Amino acid sequence: MMSKVKNFLASERGDTNFISIIIIVAIVVALAGAFWALAKGGMDTISKAFKTFLGKVK
């Protein structure tokens, strides 16, 4: 089984775009996760600031 995997990775047949697409998808998923984490933290900060502002207005 390992020899088949090694042969697949070592062979130069086929299209190298497949590997490029996998790498690009991995980068996009990583960036989306980072953006989601930053956006969630930012929204929490904005929400707290808005609640503080409304508390002072009353």
N, C-alpha and C. Protein backbone atom coordinates (compact mmCIF):
# COMPACT_ATOMS: atom_id res chain seq x y z
N MET A 1 0.82 -1.19 0.00
CA MET A 1 0.00 0.00 0.00
C MET A 1 0.87 1.25 0.00
N MET A 2 1.92 1.26 0.85
CA MET A 2 2.80 2.43 0.90
C MET A 2 3.53 2.63 -0.42
N SER A 3 3.84 1.53 -1.11
CA SER A 3 4.54 1.68 -2.39
C SER A 3 3.62 2.35 -3.41
N LYS A 4 2.34 2.07 -3.35
CA LYS A 4 1.40 2.73 -4.27
C LYS A 4 1.33 4.22 -3.99
N VAL A 5 1.33 4.58 -2.71
CA VAL A 5 1.30 5.99 -2.34
C VAL A 5 2.58 6.68 -2.79
N LYS A 6 3.71 6.03 -2.56
CA LYS A 6 5.00 6.62 -2.97
C LYS A 6 5.06 6.76 -4.48
N ASN A 7 4.58 5.74 -5.20
CA ASN A 7 4.55 5.82 -6.67
C ASN A 7 3.65 6.95 -7.14
N PHE A 8 2.50 7.11 -6.48
CA PHE A 8 1.57 8.19 -6.86
C PHE A 8 2.21 9.55 -6.64
N LEU A 9 2.87 9.73 -5.49
CA LEU A 9 3.49 11.02 -5.20
C LEU A 9 4.72 11.29 -6.05
N ALA A 10 5.44 10.23 -6.44
CA ALA A 10 6.66 10.39 -7.21
C ALA A 10 6.39 10.47 -8.71
N SER A 11 5.27 9.95 -9.16
CA SER A 11 5.01 9.94 -10.60
C SER A 11 4.76 11.36 -11.11
N GLU A 12 5.17 11.59 -12.31
CA GLU A 12 5.00 12.90 -12.92
C GLU A 12 3.88 12.89 -13.94
N ARG A 13 3.07 11.87 -13.91
CA ARG A 13 1.92 11.81 -14.81
C ARG A 13 0.81 12.68 -14.25
N GLY A 14 -0.06 13.09 -15.11
CA GLY A 14 -1.25 13.80 -14.67
C GLY A 14 -1.02 15.29 -14.52
N ASP A 15 -1.94 15.89 -13.86
CA ASP A 15 -1.98 17.34 -13.76
C ASP A 15 -1.51 17.79 -12.38
N THR A 16 -0.61 18.74 -12.34
CA THR A 16 -0.14 19.24 -11.06
C THR A 16 -1.11 20.27 -10.48
N ASN A 17 -2.12 20.64 -11.26
CA ASN A 17 -3.10 21.59 -10.74
C ASN A 17 -3.87 21.00 -9.56
N PHE A 18 -3.97 19.70 -9.49
CA PHE A 18 -4.68 19.04 -8.39
C PHE A 18 -4.02 19.40 -7.06
N ILE A 19 -2.72 19.30 -7.00
CA ILE A 19 -1.99 19.64 -5.77
C ILE A 19 -2.10 21.13 -5.49
N SER A 20 -2.03 21.95 -6.51
CA SER A 20 -2.16 23.39 -6.33
C SER A 20 -3.53 23.75 -5.78
N ILE A 21 -4.56 23.11 -6.27
CA ILE A 21 -5.92 23.37 -5.80
C ILE A 21 -6.05 22.98 -4.33
N ILE A 22 -5.47 21.85 -3.94
CA ILE A 22 -5.53 21.43 -2.55
C ILE A 22 -4.83 22.45 -1.65
N ILE A 23 -3.67 22.94 -2.08
CA ILE A 23 -2.93 23.92 -1.29
C ILE A 23 -3.73 25.22 -1.18
N ILE A 24 -4.31 25.67 -2.27
CA ILE A 24 -5.10 26.91 -2.26
C ILE A 24 -6.32 26.77 -1.36
N VAL A 25 -7.00 25.64 -1.43
CA VAL A 25 -8.17 25.41 -0.57
C VAL A 25 -7.76 25.40 0.90
N ALA A 26 -6.63 24.80 1.21
CA ALA A 26 -6.15 24.79 2.60
C ALA A 26 -5.85 26.21 3.08
N ILE A 27 -5.24 27.03 2.24
CA ILE A 27 -4.95 28.41 2.60
C ILE A 27 -6.23 29.20 2.80
N VAL A 28 -7.20 29.02 1.92
CA VAL A 28 -8.48 29.73 2.02
C VAL A 28 -9.20 29.34 3.31
N VAL A 29 -9.20 28.05 3.63
CA VAL A 29 -9.87 27.60 4.86
C VAL A 29 -9.17 28.19 6.09
N ALA A 30 -7.84 28.23 6.08
CA ALA A 30 -7.10 28.80 7.20
C ALA A 30 -7.39 30.30 7.34
N LEU A 31 -7.42 31.01 6.24
CA LEU A 31 -7.72 32.45 6.29
C LEU A 31 -9.15 32.69 6.75
N ALA A 32 -10.08 31.87 6.30
CA ALA A 32 -11.48 32.01 6.72
C ALA A 32 -11.61 31.77 8.22
N GLY A 33 -10.91 30.78 8.74
CA GLY A 33 -10.94 30.52 10.17
C GLY A 33 -10.36 31.66 10.97
N ALA A 34 -9.25 32.21 10.49
CA ALA A 34 -8.62 33.34 11.18
C ALA A 34 -9.54 34.56 11.14
N PHE A 35 -10.15 34.83 10.00
CA PHE A 35 -11.06 35.96 9.87
C PHE A 35 -12.27 35.78 10.78
N TRP A 36 -12.80 34.56 10.85
CA TRP A 36 -13.97 34.30 11.70
C TRP A 36 -13.62 34.55 13.16
N ALA A 37 -12.46 34.08 13.58
CA ALA A 37 -12.05 34.27 14.97
C ALA A 37 -11.86 35.75 15.28
N LEU A 38 -11.23 36.49 14.39
CA LEU A 38 -11.03 37.92 14.60
C LEU A 38 -12.35 38.68 14.56
N ALA A 39 -13.23 38.31 13.66
CA ALA A 39 -14.52 38.98 13.53
C ALA A 39 -15.37 38.73 14.78
N LYS A 40 -15.34 37.51 15.30
CA LYS A 40 -16.11 37.19 16.49
C LYS A 40 -15.61 38.01 17.68
N GLY A 41 -14.32 38.09 17.84
CA GLY A 41 -13.75 38.89 18.92
C GLY A 41 -14.07 40.37 18.76
N GLY A 42 -14.02 40.84 17.54
CA GLY A 42 -14.34 42.24 17.26
C GLY A 42 -15.80 42.55 17.53
N MET A 43 -16.68 41.63 17.17
CA MET A 43 -18.10 41.85 17.41
C MET A 43 -18.42 41.84 18.90
N ASP A 44 -17.73 41.01 19.66
CA ASP A 44 -17.92 41.01 21.12
C ASP A 44 -17.49 42.35 21.71
N THR A 45 -16.40 42.88 21.23
CA THR A 45 -15.90 44.17 21.71
C THR A 45 -16.88 45.29 21.36
N ILE A 46 -17.39 45.28 20.14
CA ILE A 46 -18.34 46.30 19.71
C ILE A 46 -19.63 46.18 20.51
N SER A 47 -20.08 44.97 20.74
CA SER A 47 -21.30 44.75 21.52
C SER A 47 -21.16 45.29 22.94
N LYS A 48 -20.03 45.01 23.58
CA LYS A 48 -19.79 45.51 24.94
C LYS A 48 -19.75 47.04 24.96
N ALA A 49 -19.10 47.64 23.97
CA ALA A 49 -19.00 49.09 23.91
C ALA A 49 -20.38 49.71 23.70
N PHE A 50 -21.20 49.09 22.87
CA PHE A 50 -22.54 49.60 22.59
C PHE A 50 -23.41 49.50 23.85
N LYS A 51 -23.31 48.38 24.57
CA LYS A 51 -24.08 48.22 25.80
C LYS A 51 -23.64 49.24 26.86
N THR A 52 -22.35 49.49 26.94
CA THR A 52 -21.84 50.49 27.87
C THR A 52 -22.36 51.87 27.52
N PHE A 53 -22.37 52.18 26.24
CA PHE A 53 -22.87 53.48 25.76
C PHE A 53 -24.35 53.63 26.09
N LEU A 54 -25.13 52.59 25.83
CA LEU A 54 -26.57 52.66 26.13
C LEU A 54 -26.82 52.76 27.62
N GLY A 55 -25.97 52.11 28.42
CA GLY A 55 -26.11 52.21 29.87
C GLY A 55 -25.87 53.62 30.38
N LYS A 56 -24.97 54.34 29.75
CA LYS A 56 -24.66 55.70 30.16
C LYS A 56 -25.71 56.69 29.67
N VAL A 57 -26.41 56.36 28.58
CA VAL A 57 -27.43 57.25 28.03
C VAL A 57 -28.65 57.31 28.94
N LYS A 58 -28.99 56.19 29.56
CA LYS A 58 -30.19 56.13 30.42
C LYS A 58 -30.05 57.05 31.53
